[in-house]
Protein backbone atom coordinates (compact mmCIF):
# COMPACT_ATOMS: atom_id res chain seq x y z
CA MET A 1 10.19 13.12 -21.60
CA LYS A 2 11.17 16.54 -20.23
CA ALA A 3 11.93 16.92 -16.40
CA GLN A 4 8.78 18.77 -16.07
CA ASN A 5 6.44 16.07 -17.18
CA ILE A 6 8.72 13.51 -14.99
CA TYR A 7 7.97 15.42 -11.51
CA LYS A 8 4.09 16.38 -12.61
CA LEU A 9 3.42 12.63 -13.27
CA LEU A 10 5.69 11.39 -10.06
CA ASN A 11 3.49 14.39 -7.90
CA ARG A 12 0.23 12.06 -8.62
CA LEU A 13 2.30 8.78 -7.50
CA LEU A 14 4.18 9.53 -4.32
CA PRO A 15 3.04 10.87 -1.16
CA VAL A 16 3.74 14.21 -1.12
CA VAL A 17 4.85 15.78 2.02
CA LEU A 18 3.63 19.50 3.06
CA VAL A 19 5.63 20.82 5.31
CA LEU A 20 3.86 23.91 6.98
CA THR A 21 4.44 26.46 9.78
CA VAL A 22 0.91 26.39 10.97
CA VAL A 23 -1.03 23.74 11.87
CA LEU A 24 -5.04 23.98 10.33
CA PHE A 25 -6.84 20.58 10.84
CA SER A 26 -10.71 20.02 11.19
CA GLU A 27 -12.94 17.72 13.33
CA ASN A 28 -15.40 16.08 10.56
CA VAL A 29 -18.85 14.35 11.57
CA LEU A 30 -18.28 10.37 10.50
CA ALA A 31 -20.52 7.76 8.70
CA GLU A 32 -22.26 5.79 11.35
CA GLU A 33 -21.48 2.89 11.21
CA LYS A 34 -23.06 -0.31 9.76
CA ALA A 35 -24.11 -3.02 12.52
CA GLU A 36 -23.97 -6.71 11.61
CA ALA A 37 -22.54 -9.66 13.44
CA TYR A 38 -18.96 -10.80 13.19
CA VAL A 39 -16.48 -13.48 14.42
CA GLU A 40 -12.76 -12.27 14.44
CA TYR A 41 -9.71 -14.08 14.15
CA LYS A 42 -6.46 -13.01 15.20
CA GLY A 43 -2.37 -14.97 14.77
CA VAL A 44 0.76 -14.65 13.11
CA VAL A 45 2.00 -16.19 9.76
CA LEU A 46 5.73 -17.73 10.02
CA ASP A 47 8.03 -19.17 7.32
CA LYS A 48 7.88 -22.86 9.01
CA SER A 49 11.46 -23.67 8.49
CA THR A 50 13.02 -20.05 10.31
CA GLY A 51 10.71 -18.90 12.05
CA ASN A 52 10.68 -16.06 10.63
CA ALA A 53 7.80 -13.43 10.01
CA LEU A 54 6.12 -13.30 7.28
CA ALA A 55 5.26 -9.83 6.26
CA PHE A 56 2.14 -8.80 3.99
CA ALA A 57 0.60 -12.37 3.53
CA ASN A 58 -2.60 -12.53 1.83
CA ILE A 59 -5.04 -14.01 3.82
CA SER A 60 -8.49 -14.52 2.34
CA VAL A 61 -12.29 -16.11 3.51
CA LEU A 62 -12.60 -19.04 0.04
CA GLY A 63 -15.87 -18.46 -1.89
CA THR A 64 -16.30 -14.85 -0.92
CA ASN A 65 -13.90 -11.22 -1.37
CA ILE A 66 -13.39 -10.90 2.34
CA SER A 67 -9.43 -10.53 2.78
CA THR A 68 -6.53 -8.80 4.97
CA VAL A 69 -2.85 -9.03 4.81
CA SER A 70 -0.25 -9.45 7.78
CA ASN A 71 1.17 -6.55 8.97
CA THR A 72 5.46 -6.13 9.40
CA ASN A 73 5.47 -8.30 12.07
CA GLY A 74 2.90 -11.12 10.15
CA GLU A 75 0.44 -10.53 12.58
CA PHE A 76 -2.96 -10.82 10.89
CA VAL A 77 -6.69 -9.90 12.54
CA LEU A 78 -9.52 -11.30 9.85
CA LYS A 79 -13.31 -10.40 10.81
CA ILE A 80 -15.75 -12.68 9.12
CA PRO A 81 -19.52 -12.04 9.60
CA VAL A 82 -21.63 -14.62 10.96
CA SER A 83 -24.04 -15.62 8.39
CA LYS A 84 -20.82 -17.33 6.86
CA LYS A 85 -20.71 -20.08 9.13
CA THR A 86 -18.98 -22.73 7.01
CA HIS A 87 -15.31 -20.76 5.77
CA LYS A 88 -11.91 -21.83 5.05
CA ILE A 89 -9.43 -19.40 5.55
CA LEU A 90 -6.57 -19.38 2.84
CA PHE A 91 -2.84 -18.13 3.58
CA ARG A 92 -0.86 -17.24 0.66
CA TYR A 93 2.99 -15.76 0.01
CA VAL A 94 4.84 -15.88 -3.24
CA GLY A 95 7.46 -18.66 -2.82
CA TYR A 96 5.35 -20.96 -0.10
CA ARG A 97 2.85 -23.15 -0.04
CA ASN A 98 -0.53 -22.39 0.08
CA ARG A 99 -2.29 -23.78 3.29
CA VAL A 100 -6.24 -23.59 4.11
CA ILE A 101 -7.61 -23.83 7.68
CA ILE A 102 -10.92 -24.38 9.13
CA PRO A 103 -10.83 -22.37 12.25
CA ASP A 104 -12.28 -23.57 15.51
CA GLU A 105 -14.96 -22.12 17.60
CA ASN A 106 -12.91 -20.98 20.24
CA PRO A 107 -13.31 -16.31 19.67
CA LEU A 108 -9.94 -16.29 21.91
CA ALA A 109 -7.59 -18.72 19.66
CA TYR A 110 -4.44 -17.06 18.25
CA TYR A 111 -3.19 -18.71 15.17
CA LYS A 112 0.23 -19.66 14.44
CA ILE A 113 0.04 -20.18 10.82
CA GLU A 114 3.74 -21.63 9.24
CA LEU A 115 3.54 -21.85 5.34
CA GLU A 116 6.46 -24.54 3.72
CA PRO A 117 8.77 -22.65 1.55
CA VAL A 118 8.98 -24.23 -2.25
CA SER A 119 11.78 -25.57 -4.22
CA VAL A 120 12.45 -23.63 -7.23
CA GLU A 121 12.74 -25.76 -10.42
CA LEU A 122 14.23 -23.73 -13.13
CA PRO A 123 12.11 -24.15 -16.13
CA GLU A 124 13.51 -24.94 -19.78
CA VAL A 125 16.66 -23.31 -21.16
CA SER A 126 14.29 -22.02 -24.14
CA VAL A 127 12.48 -20.09 -21.20
CA ILE A 128 14.73 -18.54 -19.25
CA SER A 129 16.54 -17.16 -22.04
CA LYS A 130 13.66 -15.54 -23.30
CA ASP A 131 14.57 -11.77 -23.52
CA ALA A 132 12.88 -9.81 -20.47
CA ASP A 133 12.29 -6.83 -22.39
CA MET A 134 9.88 -9.44 -23.84
CA ILE A 135 8.44 -10.45 -21.17
CA MET A 136 7.43 -6.51 -20.12
CA THR A 137 5.93 -5.97 -23.59
CA ALA A 138 3.82 -9.14 -23.20
CA VAL A 139 2.32 -7.92 -19.70
CA PHE A 140 1.22 -4.45 -21.06
CA GLU A 141 0.05 -6.37 -24.27
CA ARG A 142 -2.35 -8.30 -22.42
CA ILE A 143 -3.88 -6.03 -19.93
CA THR A 144 -7.44 -6.41 -21.35
CA LYS A 145 -7.02 -10.06 -21.12
CA ASN A 146 -5.78 -10.19 -17.46
CA TYR A 147 -7.79 -7.50 -15.89
CA PRO A 148 -10.98 -6.14 -14.73
CA GLY A 149 -12.85 -4.55 -17.87
CA SER A 150 -15.76 -3.24 -15.92
CA GLU A 151 -15.50 -0.87 -12.81
CA MET A 152 -15.21 -2.48 -9.38
CA SER A 153 -16.85 -1.20 -6.21
CA MET A 154 -13.83 -1.94 -2.79
CA THR A 155 -13.81 -1.32 0.41
CA ALA A 156 -10.66 -0.81 2.15
CA PHE A 157 -8.52 0.14 5.01
CA TYR A 158 -6.51 3.18 4.97
CA ARG A 159 -3.35 4.02 7.47
CA GLU A 160 -0.59 6.55 7.24
CA THR A 161 1.83 6.97 10.32
CA ILE A 162 4.48 9.83 10.56
CA ARG A 163 7.32 9.21 13.55
CA LYS A 164 9.81 11.94 14.16
CA ASN A 165 13.22 10.19 15.19
CA ARG A 166 12.21 6.71 17.30
CA ASN A 167 8.62 8.74 18.12
CA TYR A 168 5.51 8.45 16.56
CA VAL A 169 3.87 11.60 16.44
CA SER A 170 0.64 11.15 14.34
CA VAL A 171 -1.36 7.99 13.23
CA ALA A 172 -4.43 8.25 11.08
CA GLU A 173 -6.66 5.50 9.53
CA ALA A 174 -9.96 5.35 7.35
CA VAL A 175 -11.98 3.14 5.70
CA VAL A 176 -12.73 4.04 2.64
CA ASP A 177 -15.40 3.00 -1.04
CA VAL A 178 -12.95 3.22 -4.11
CA TYR A 179 -14.48 2.82 -7.56
CA LYS A 180 -12.21 1.77 -9.41
CA GLN A 181 -12.37 1.88 -12.83
CA PRO A 182 -11.92 -0.68 -16.01
CA TYR A 183 -8.33 -1.06 -17.02
CA PRO A 184 -8.94 -0.20 -20.69
CA SER A 185 -10.34 2.93 -19.44
CA TYR A 186 -8.57 6.44 -18.84
CA LYS A 187 -11.07 7.66 -16.09
CA THR A 188 -9.04 7.67 -12.57
CA ASP A 189 -10.56 6.12 -9.66
CA VAL A 190 -12.73 7.41 -7.28
CA VAL A 191 -12.44 7.50 -3.76
CA LYS A 192 -15.23 8.15 -0.96
CA LEU A 193 -14.46 8.38 2.80
CA TYR A 194 -17.14 6.36 5.01
CA LYS A 195 -14.99 6.64 8.33
CA SER A 196 -11.57 7.51 10.12
CA ARG A 197 -9.46 8.77 12.90
CA LYS A 198 -6.40 10.11 13.85
CA LYS A 199 -4.08 11.38 16.67
CA THR A 200 -1.82 13.78 16.28
CA ASP A 201 0.99 15.62 18.94
CA TYR A 202 1.62 18.67 17.36
CA GLU A 203 3.89 19.72 20.08
CA ARG A 204 6.34 17.13 20.07
CA LEU A 205 5.99 18.14 15.94
CA ASP A 206 7.23 21.73 16.75
CA THR A 207 6.95 24.14 14.75
CA LEU A 208 7.26 21.78 11.95
CA VAL A 209 4.22 20.40 10.77
CA PHE A 210 3.76 17.20 7.98
CA LYS A 211 0.77 16.89 6.32
CA LEU A 212 0.20 14.11 3.54
CA MET A 213 -1.28 14.61 0.15
CA GLY A 214 -3.12 12.64 -1.51
CA GLY A 215 -4.16 10.14 0.93
CA PRO A 216 -5.61 6.77 -0.72
CA PHE A 217 -4.78 8.22 -3.94
CA ASN A 218 -0.79 7.71 -3.05
CA SER A 219 -2.11 4.29 -2.61
CA LEU A 220 -3.77 3.33 -6.26
CA TYR A 221 -1.60 5.48 -8.09
CA LEU A 222 0.94 2.71 -7.30
CA ASP A 223 -1.25 0.48 -9.44
CA VAL A 224 1.58 -0.05 -12.10
CA VAL A 225 -1.00 -1.43 -14.57
CA LYS A 226 -3.91 1.13 -14.02
CA TYR A 227 -1.28 3.76 -14.29
CA PRO A 228 1.92 2.35 -15.86
CA GLU A 229 2.88 6.04 -16.88
CA MET A 230 3.45 6.70 -13.01
CA ILE A 231 6.56 4.88 -12.82
CA PHE A 232 7.95 3.39 -16.40
CA THR A 233 6.61 6.72 -18.65
CA ASP A 234 5.82 6.46 -22.05
CA LYS A 235 9.54 5.23 -22.55
CA MET A 236 10.07 2.62 -20.55
CA PHE A 237 12.56 0.48 -22.79
CA GLU A 238 14.48 3.76 -23.16
CA ASN A 239 14.99 4.93 -18.73
CA TYR A 240 14.83 0.86 -17.79
CA ASN A 241 17.00 -1.66 -18.14
CA PHE A 242 15.42 -5.32 -17.74
CA SER A 243 16.46 -8.58 -16.68
CA PHE A 244 15.70 -11.86 -14.95
CA ASP A 245 16.02 -12.90 -11.81
CA ARG A 246 15.58 -16.50 -9.83
CA SER A 247 12.03 -17.35 -10.50
CA THR A 248 9.99 -18.49 -7.68
CA ARG A 249 6.18 -19.88 -7.28
CA LEU A 250 2.82 -19.41 -5.88
CA ASP A 251 -0.31 -20.91 -6.38
CA ASP A 252 1.71 -23.86 -8.06
CA ARG A 253 2.84 -21.69 -10.94
CA LEU A 254 5.72 -20.48 -11.80
CA ILE A 255 6.51 -16.28 -11.00
CA TYR A 256 9.09 -15.01 -13.76
CA VAL A 257 10.92 -12.26 -11.27
CA ILE A 258 11.99 -9.02 -13.30
CA ASN A 259 14.82 -7.01 -12.22
CA PHE A 260 14.49 -3.49 -13.86
CA GLN A 261 16.76 -0.09 -13.36
CA GLN A 262 16.94 2.65 -15.21
CA VAL A 263 19.85 3.29 -17.83
CA ILE A 264 23.11 5.05 -16.44
CA SER A 265 22.52 7.92 -18.63
CA VAL A 266 19.15 9.06 -17.48
CA ASP A 267 20.20 11.31 -14.54
CA LEU A 268 16.46 11.79 -13.40
CA PRO A 269 15.27 10.15 -9.85
CA LEU A 270 13.88 7.47 -11.53
CA PHE A 271 13.08 4.06 -9.90
CA TYR A 272 14.68 0.27 -9.27
CA GLY A 273 13.57 -3.10 -8.12
CA LYS A 274 11.81 -6.32 -9.10
CA LEU A 275 8.41 -7.23 -10.78
CA TYR A 276 6.97 -10.83 -9.93
CA ILE A 277 5.11 -11.85 -13.07
CA ASP A 278 2.62 -15.07 -13.55
CA ALA A 279 4.62 -16.48 -16.44
CA GLN A 280 1.03 -18.56 -17.44
CA THR A 281 -0.79 -14.93 -17.81
CA MET A 282 1.77 -12.88 -18.21
CA ALA A 283 0.06 -10.85 -15.15
CA ILE A 284 1.64 -8.76 -12.73
CA LYS A 285 2.01 -10.12 -9.53
CA SER A 286 3.03 -7.94 -6.83
CA ALA A 287 5.88 -4.91 -8.03
CA VAL A 288 8.33 -3.97 -4.99
CA PHE A 289 10.85 -1.16 -5.48
CA ASP A 290 12.67 2.17 -4.29
CA MET A 291 13.47 5.79 -5.98
CA ASN A 292 16.79 6.82 -6.91
CA LEU A 293 17.90 9.05 -4.77
CA LYS A 294 20.99 9.95 -5.71
CA ASN A 295 20.53 13.40 -7.30
CA LYS A 296 19.01 14.46 -3.86
CA ALA A 297 18.51 18.14 -5.23
CA GLU A 298 15.70 16.95 -8.05
CA ALA A 299 14.41 14.49 -5.26
CA SER A 300 13.21 17.00 -3.06
CA LYS A 301 11.59 18.87 -5.48
CA ILE A 302 9.05 15.78 -6.17
CA PHE A 303 8.31 15.28 -2.57
CA ILE A 304 8.18 19.35 -0.98
CA VAL A 305 5.57 21.26 -2.03
CA LYS A 306 6.58 24.11 1.01
CA LYS A 307 8.69 24.16 3.57
CA PRO A 308 10.28 26.74 6.00
CA PHE A 309 13.21 29.01 4.88
CA ASN A 310 15.59 27.54 7.79
CA ALA A 311 14.83 23.80 6.83
CA ASN A 312 16.68 21.71 4.19
CA VAL A 313 14.71 18.35 3.61
CA ILE A 314 17.03 15.58 2.22
CA PRO A 315 15.06 12.37 1.24
CA GLU A 316 17.14 9.77 2.52
CA LYS A 317 14.71 6.49 1.31
CA ALA A 318 11.28 6.05 -0.69
CA SER A 319 10.41 2.45 -0.94
CA TYR A 320 7.17 0.83 -2.55
CA ARG A 321 5.19 -2.06 -2.80
CA MET A 322 2.00 -2.98 -4.58
CA ASP A 323 0.18 -6.98 -4.37
CA PHE A 324 -2.62 -8.12 -6.92
CA PHE A 325 -4.91 -10.86 -6.19
CA GLU A 326 -6.12 -13.18 -8.55
CA GLN A 327 -9.77 -14.71 -8.81
CA ASN A 328 -11.22 -16.32 -11.66
CA GLY A 329 -9.06 -15.69 -14.21
CA LYS A 330 -8.86 -11.75 -13.33
CA TRP A 331 -6.40 -9.79 -11.66
CA TYR A 332 -7.80 -7.13 -8.73
CA TYR A 333 -5.41 -4.38 -7.06
CA GLY A 334 -5.12 -5.92 -3.38
CA TYR A 335 -2.56 -4.19 -0.95
CA SER A 336 0.02 -1.25 -1.88
CA ARG A 337 2.77 0.03 1.14
CA ILE A 338 4.62 3.21 0.83
CA GLU A 339 7.84 4.03 3.39
CA LEU A 340 9.17 8.05 2.72
CA ASP A 341 12.22 8.57 5.08
CA LEU A 342 13.54 12.12 5.13
CA ARG A 343 15.80 14.20 7.15
CA ILE A 344 15.49 18.14 7.66
CA LYS A 345 18.88 19.85 8.23
CA TRP A 346 18.11 23.15 9.97
CA LYS A 347 20.34 26.17 9.79
CA ARG A 348 22.04 27.31 12.86
CA LYS A 349 21.41 24.20 14.54
CA LEU A 350 23.15 21.37 15.46
CA PHE A 351 21.25 17.98 15.33
CA ASP A 352 19.36 17.10 11.85
CA THR A 353 15.64 15.56 12.61
CA LYS A 354 14.75 12.44 10.87
CA TYR A 355 10.83 12.06 9.75
CA LEU A 356 9.52 8.94 8.61
CA SER A 357 6.15 8.53 7.06
CA VAL A 358 4.51 5.08 5.95
CA ILE A 359 1.12 4.65 4.22
CA GLU A 360 -0.56 1.36 3.11
CA MET A 361 -3.78 0.38 1.90
CA ALA A 362 -5.52 -3.02 1.70
CA VAL A 363 -8.61 -3.71 -0.25
CA THR A 364 -10.96 -6.03 2.07
CA ASP A 365 -13.73 -6.70 0.50
CA TRP A 366 -15.24 -5.99 -3.71
CA GLU A 367 -17.45 -7.03 -6.00
CA ASP A 368 -18.06 -5.76 -9.68
CA ALA A 369 -19.73 -2.51 -9.36
CA GLY A 370 -22.98 -3.72 -11.31
CA GLY A 371 -23.87 -0.66 -12.42
CA THR A 372 -23.53 1.12 -9.44
CA LYS A 373 -22.77 4.70 -10.51
CA ALA A 374 -19.47 6.15 -8.10
CA PRO A 375 -20.44 9.06 -6.23
CA GLU A 376 -21.24 12.86 -7.43
CA ARG A 377 -17.82 15.12 -6.95
CA SER A 378 -19.56 16.68 -4.41
CA GLY A 379 -19.11 13.33 -2.12
CA ARG A 380 -15.61 12.01 -3.43
CA LEU A 381 -12.37 12.84 -2.09
CA ARG A 382 -10.00 15.01 -3.80
CA PRO A 383 -6.81 13.70 -5.26
CA GLY A 384 -4.77 16.11 -2.89
CA VAL A 385 -6.90 15.18 0.18
CA ILE A 386 -4.88 14.89 3.52
CA ILE A 387 -6.97 12.51 5.71
CA ALA A 388 -5.45 13.72 8.91
CA ASP A 389 -7.73 16.96 8.32
CA GLU A 390 -10.25 14.85 7.54
CA ALA A 391 -10.28 12.46 10.68
CA SER A 392 -11.73 12.87 14.36
CA GLY A 393 -9.82 11.07 17.05
CA PHE A 394 -9.14 7.63 18.83
CA SER A 395 -11.58 7.67 21.62
CA ASP A 396 -13.96 4.35 20.67
CA PRO A 397 -12.36 0.58 20.79
CA GLU A 398 -14.80 -0.84 18.72
CA PHE A 399 -14.93 2.19 15.62
CA TRP A 400 -14.11 -0.50 13.07
CA GLY A 401 -17.15 -2.92 13.62
CA GLU A 402 -16.91 -5.57 11.31
CA PHE A 403 -14.60 -4.36 8.71
CA ASN A 404 -11.08 -6.00 8.49
CA VAL A 405 -8.33 -3.25 9.17
CA ILE A 406 -4.22 -4.06 8.84
CA GLU A 407 -3.23 -5.28 12.43
CA PRO A 408 -1.02 -2.54 13.92
CA GLU A 409 2.52 -3.04 14.70
CA LYS A 410 2.50 -3.07 18.65
CA PRO A 411 4.75 0.03 18.68
CA ILE A 412 2.14 1.97 16.72
CA GLU A 413 -0.25 0.64 19.75
CA THR A 414 2.19 1.81 21.88
CA ALA A 415 2.37 5.26 19.80
CA ILE A 416 -1.32 5.91 19.88
CA LYS A 417 -1.62 5.58 23.94
CA LYS A 418 1.75 8.40 24.08
CA ILE A 419 0.08 10.57 21.64
CA SER A 420 -3.31 9.73 24.08
CA LYS A 421 -1.95 10.68 26.70
CA GLN A 422 0.25 13.76 25.35
CA LEU A 423 -2.69 15.20 24.73
CA GLU A 424 -5.00 14.91 27.55
CA LYS A 425 -1.98 16.38 29.53
CA LYS A 426 -2.49 19.33 27.10
């Protein structure tokens, strides 16, 4: 595949950064919040043996489609409608035993959820010796069997942050409606913005303003099953070497861990990482990977649309994660996270500037679309949307109401307050 075609695909997958010297933003009116009574539970998910936080643990309400994920500190917030009084909460993490709790009635309770690691017995030699390429072939051959063949209507929480050196300079959040198209279909997913908010300290950004193009589409394009060409292209085995790592378990089922890395002869900035594959169904459970940034000049062409003439933008790190969840024999897109670390080398300046952007999105509720049509084109978000331009401000502490969101990391909460104070002074 030609390099220009690779870049065209990657520009759809990755958080393309638009670097401008002029600030452009708008204040849009947000949709009204749906009023519904709910109960909120907070806590942290930990490794029982070490006490370490378990980031990105899956938390769901049994018998419903309500779910969320823990943040990088293992913390979570889960909101459940009051109408669902008899509920049990399930905590799941790859390599650990599931745990189910029945929450008490105390609204101020803080739950310390400890998960126990499971010991993994190696499968039979005949299973271990299977060719990793055969496993990958089986994964894509079984897409129609493992993933939804009908359109799904999903509610998702989206967040993007930008940090300059050690200081957060921009935080944007949104609740979006996702119309996930059938996996056998070539139709792309549709997104509608339900509500959003932002805080941006343009003064601290100086004359260099980052705008993350793509918004929720960056997260959706990480779905390596719906959009396999975004990562593996149509020449998967020519571009990558696949090999087995030590297996693990989830839900008392064997999970194959497959390493992948681009072949040495391929000089393009492709990817390397791990795929977690359910051995029973050959469905991908998770994908955790990085972009190979050795060829920084070519990698820079992927990320940067426009930049000031006196700046050289160098990508230092590009990391990705996406998770599926299984229910009733089908696997559904559940969560994705992108981290992009850039260094700006200025002409005639002694010190460089570092920027770190993080994008994450979690599906918090879903159902079969049941014939419900996706919104008309005028009501859809564009694949090149800039969420920070569509959002307003952080003013109402009850803004999200009953919507499940990813618990902010404490530095982000502090950043919002600091940014607010800076803007008030101005």
